[in-house]
Protein backbone atom coordinates (compact mmCIF):
# COMPACT_ATOMS: atom_id res chain seq x y z
CA MET A 1 132.20 -1.89 -55.59
CA ALA A 2 135.72 -3.09 -56.51
CA ASN A 3 136.54 0.28 -58.09
CA LEU A 4 135.47 2.07 -54.92
CA ILE A 5 137.68 -0.19 -52.78
CA ASP A 6 140.66 0.22 -55.17
CA ALA A 7 140.22 3.99 -55.10
CA LYS A 8 140.12 4.02 -51.28
CA ILE A 9 143.25 1.82 -51.09
CA GLN A 10 145.13 4.15 -53.48
CA GLU A 11 144.02 7.15 -51.43
CA LEU A 12 145.32 5.58 -48.18
CA VAL A 13 148.61 4.60 -49.83
CA ASN A 14 149.17 8.09 -51.25
CA ARG A 15 148.00 10.03 -48.18
CA HIS A 16 149.47 7.93 -45.33
CA GLY A 17 152.03 5.71 -47.06
CA TYR A 18 150.40 2.41 -46.06
CA ASN A 19 151.51 -0.83 -47.75
CA GLU A 20 149.15 -1.57 -50.66
CA HIS A 21 149.57 -5.37 -50.35
CA VAL A 22 148.63 -5.31 -46.66
CA LEU A 23 145.50 -3.27 -47.38
CA ARG A 24 144.42 -5.61 -50.22
CA ALA A 25 145.00 -8.65 -47.97
CA PHE A 26 142.86 -7.01 -45.31
CA VAL A 27 140.06 -6.31 -47.81
CA GLU A 28 140.18 -9.92 -48.98
CA PHE A 29 140.06 -11.17 -45.38
CA VAL A 30 137.06 -8.99 -44.54
CA GLN A 31 135.16 -10.04 -47.66
CA THR A 32 135.65 -13.77 -46.96
CA GLN A 33 134.28 -13.56 -43.42
CA PRO A 34 130.59 -14.41 -42.90
CA LYS A 35 128.47 -11.38 -42.23
CA PRO A 36 127.28 -11.07 -38.63
CA ARG A 37 123.59 -11.62 -38.24
CA LYS A 38 121.58 -8.91 -36.69
CA LYS A 39 119.45 -9.83 -33.74
CA LYS A 40 115.80 -9.52 -34.46
CA THR A 41 114.33 -6.67 -32.55
CA SER A 42 110.72 -6.66 -31.64
CA THR A 43 108.82 -3.74 -33.05
CA SER A 44 106.38 -3.73 -30.17
CA SER A 45 107.72 -2.28 -26.95
CA LYS A 46 107.33 -4.73 -24.12
CA LYS A 47 106.26 -3.24 -20.86
CA PRO A 48 107.65 -4.79 -17.72
CA THR A 49 105.18 -7.35 -16.50
CA GLU A 50 103.57 -6.50 -13.23
CA PRO A 51 103.24 -9.27 -10.68
CA LYS A 52 99.84 -10.90 -10.64
CA PRO A 53 97.72 -10.56 -7.51
CA LEU A 54 97.91 -13.53 -5.20
CA THR A 55 95.05 -16.00 -5.35
CA LYS A 56 93.02 -16.94 -2.29
CA PRO A 57 94.73 -20.36 -1.95
CA GLN A 58 98.15 -18.69 -2.15
CA LEU A 59 97.15 -16.18 0.51
CA GLU A 60 95.78 -18.94 2.75
CA ALA A 61 98.91 -21.06 2.37
CA SER A 62 101.22 -18.12 3.12
CA VAL A 63 99.30 -17.10 6.23
CA ALA A 64 99.21 -20.71 7.42
CA THR A 65 102.97 -20.98 6.94
CA ALA A 66 103.49 -17.75 8.87
CA PHE A 67 101.73 -19.34 11.84
CA GLY A 68 103.62 -22.62 11.43
CA CYS A 69 100.64 -24.58 10.12
CA LYS A 70 100.38 -26.93 7.15
CA ASP A 71 96.95 -25.92 5.94
CA VAL A 72 93.92 -23.76 6.69
CA LYS A 73 92.16 -26.41 8.80
CA GLU A 74 95.12 -26.59 11.14
CA LEU A 75 95.44 -22.79 11.08
CA LYS A 76 91.84 -22.24 12.21
CA LYS A 77 92.52 -24.46 15.25
CA HIS A 78 95.80 -22.72 16.08
CA GLN A 79 95.56 -20.65 19.29
CA ALA A 80 97.85 -17.85 18.12
CA PHE A 81 95.77 -17.42 14.96
CA LYS A 82 92.55 -17.34 16.99
CA LEU A 83 94.08 -14.64 19.18
CA ALA A 84 95.27 -12.68 16.12
CA ILE A 85 91.78 -12.49 14.62
CA ALA A 86 89.85 -12.19 17.90
CA GLY A 87 87.44 -9.27 17.94
CA ARG A 88 87.76 -8.68 14.23
CA GLU A 89 85.00 -9.24 11.76
CA LEU A 90 86.88 -11.19 9.09
CA ASN A 91 84.93 -13.35 6.67
CA LEU A 92 87.54 -16.04 5.96
CA SER A 93 85.56 -17.31 3.00
CA ARG A 94 86.52 -14.12 1.13
CA LYS A 95 89.83 -13.26 -0.49
CA ASP A 96 89.94 -9.71 0.90
CA ALA A 97 89.99 -11.03 4.49
CA TRP A 98 92.95 -13.25 3.66
CA LEU A 99 94.65 -10.31 1.96
CA VAL A 100 94.33 -8.29 5.18
CA LEU A 101 95.90 -11.15 7.14
CA TYR A 102 98.63 -11.60 4.52
CA ARG A 103 99.56 -7.92 4.72
CA GLU A 104 99.62 -8.08 8.50
CA TRP A 105 101.46 -11.36 9.09
CA VAL A 106 103.44 -12.15 5.94
CA SER A 107 104.45 -9.22 3.77
CA VAL A 108 103.36 -6.57 1.33
CA PRO A 109 101.92 -8.38 -1.71
CA ALA A 110 104.21 -8.17 -4.76
CA ASN A 111 101.55 -6.40 -6.83
CA GLU A 112 101.28 -3.68 -4.15
CA GLN A 113 104.99 -2.92 -3.93
CA HIS A 114 106.44 0.15 -5.65
CA GLU A 115 103.08 1.91 -5.67
CA GLU A 116 102.78 5.63 -6.20
CA GLY A 117 100.15 8.02 -4.96
CA PRO A 118 99.24 10.45 -2.21
CA THR A 119 98.98 7.69 0.43
CA CYS A 120 102.21 5.92 -0.64
CA ILE A 121 105.59 6.33 1.02
CA ASN A 122 108.64 4.41 -0.21
CA GLY A 123 106.41 2.39 -2.53
CA ILE A 124 104.07 1.28 0.26
CA ASP A 125 100.46 2.42 0.64
CA VAL A 126 100.47 3.26 4.34
CA LEU A 127 96.70 2.97 4.65
CA LYS A 128 96.76 -0.66 3.44
CA ASN A 129 100.08 -1.91 4.84
CA PHE A 130 101.48 -1.33 8.32
CA ARG A 131 105.22 -1.62 7.61
CA PRO A 132 106.90 1.13 9.64
CA TRP A 133 110.49 0.02 8.99
CA ILE A 134 109.95 0.19 5.23
CA VAL A 135 107.97 3.44 5.37
CA PHE A 136 110.59 5.12 7.58
CA ASP A 137 113.37 3.57 5.44
CA LEU A 138 115.23 2.25 8.49
CA ASP A 139 116.98 -0.97 9.44
CA SER A 140 115.21 -2.62 12.36
CA LYS A 141 118.48 -3.99 13.77
CA THR A 142 120.50 -0.79 13.80
CA ALA A 143 117.99 2.08 14.05
CA THR A 144 118.02 4.14 17.22
CA ALA A 145 115.22 6.19 18.74
CA ASP A 146 116.86 9.30 17.28
CA ASP A 147 116.86 7.72 13.81
CA ILE A 148 113.15 6.95 14.14
CA THR A 149 112.36 10.48 15.31
CA THR A 150 114.43 12.03 12.52
CA ALA A 151 112.74 9.89 9.87
CA PHE A 152 109.33 10.74 11.32
CA ARG A 153 110.07 14.47 11.27
CA HIS A 154 111.26 14.24 7.67
CA LEU A 155 108.04 12.47 6.61
CA THR A 156 105.78 14.83 8.54
CA LYS A 157 107.16 17.78 6.59
CA GLN A 158 105.55 16.23 3.52
CA HIS A 159 102.45 14.59 4.99
CA HIS A 160 101.30 16.87 7.82
CA PRO A 161 97.77 18.23 7.21
CA ASP A 162 99.00 21.79 7.89
CA TYR A 163 101.32 21.42 4.88
CA GLY A 164 98.66 20.00 2.57
CA GLY A 165 99.11 16.35 3.52
CA ASP A 166 96.46 13.71 4.11
CA ARG A 167 95.25 13.53 7.72
CA GLN A 168 94.84 9.73 7.59
CA VAL A 169 98.40 9.28 6.33
CA PHE A 170 99.73 11.57 9.05
CA GLU A 171 97.80 9.70 11.76
CA ARG A 172 99.15 6.42 10.42
CA LEU A 173 102.70 7.81 10.54
CA VAL A 174 102.17 8.83 14.18
CA THR A 175 100.96 5.31 14.98
CA MET A 176 103.97 3.81 13.21
CA ARG A 177 106.37 6.07 15.08
CA ASP A 178 104.76 5.25 18.40
CA SER A 179 104.87 1.52 17.70
CA LEU A 180 108.59 1.70 16.88
CA LEU A 181 109.47 3.85 19.88
CA ALA A 182 107.47 1.69 22.29
CA PHE A 183 110.17 -0.98 22.24
CA ARG A 184 113.25 1.29 22.21
């Protein structure tokens, strides 16, 4: 190894006129430094972890908080909650009923965000979640009626049944548009 280094030093001195003593000092400096350790890389590729579905107690607590209640007992006595579920056949002993309420009153569950598929727009399954501002990709504070109409027309070009779209998705888009324009 020393012969290889000496040969390279002589080559640099002859070719470029570098100072031989400076090059030897540099070689000595480099050789006395500790070698950097390589970070261990995992051989298995880690996939990004998907959020876990919410449990029934988490759903109950979130819905209760959305109605300003501490727990489910208080929530079931709350007049606004009674009005919200009136006329609906929800079995509150089941998780799926709480999931429906969570989607409606709290948010899109983390494990249902960024979905892809024929019924998904902007990462939201429009048949499960009624979130018109997200689906239309608009800001609720600044969007005008023209913005809503323009966004609707853009989406209908992709999802209208005459253009090969799903009728249920199109009907849901119409409902979303109408709900946004009703208060403009």
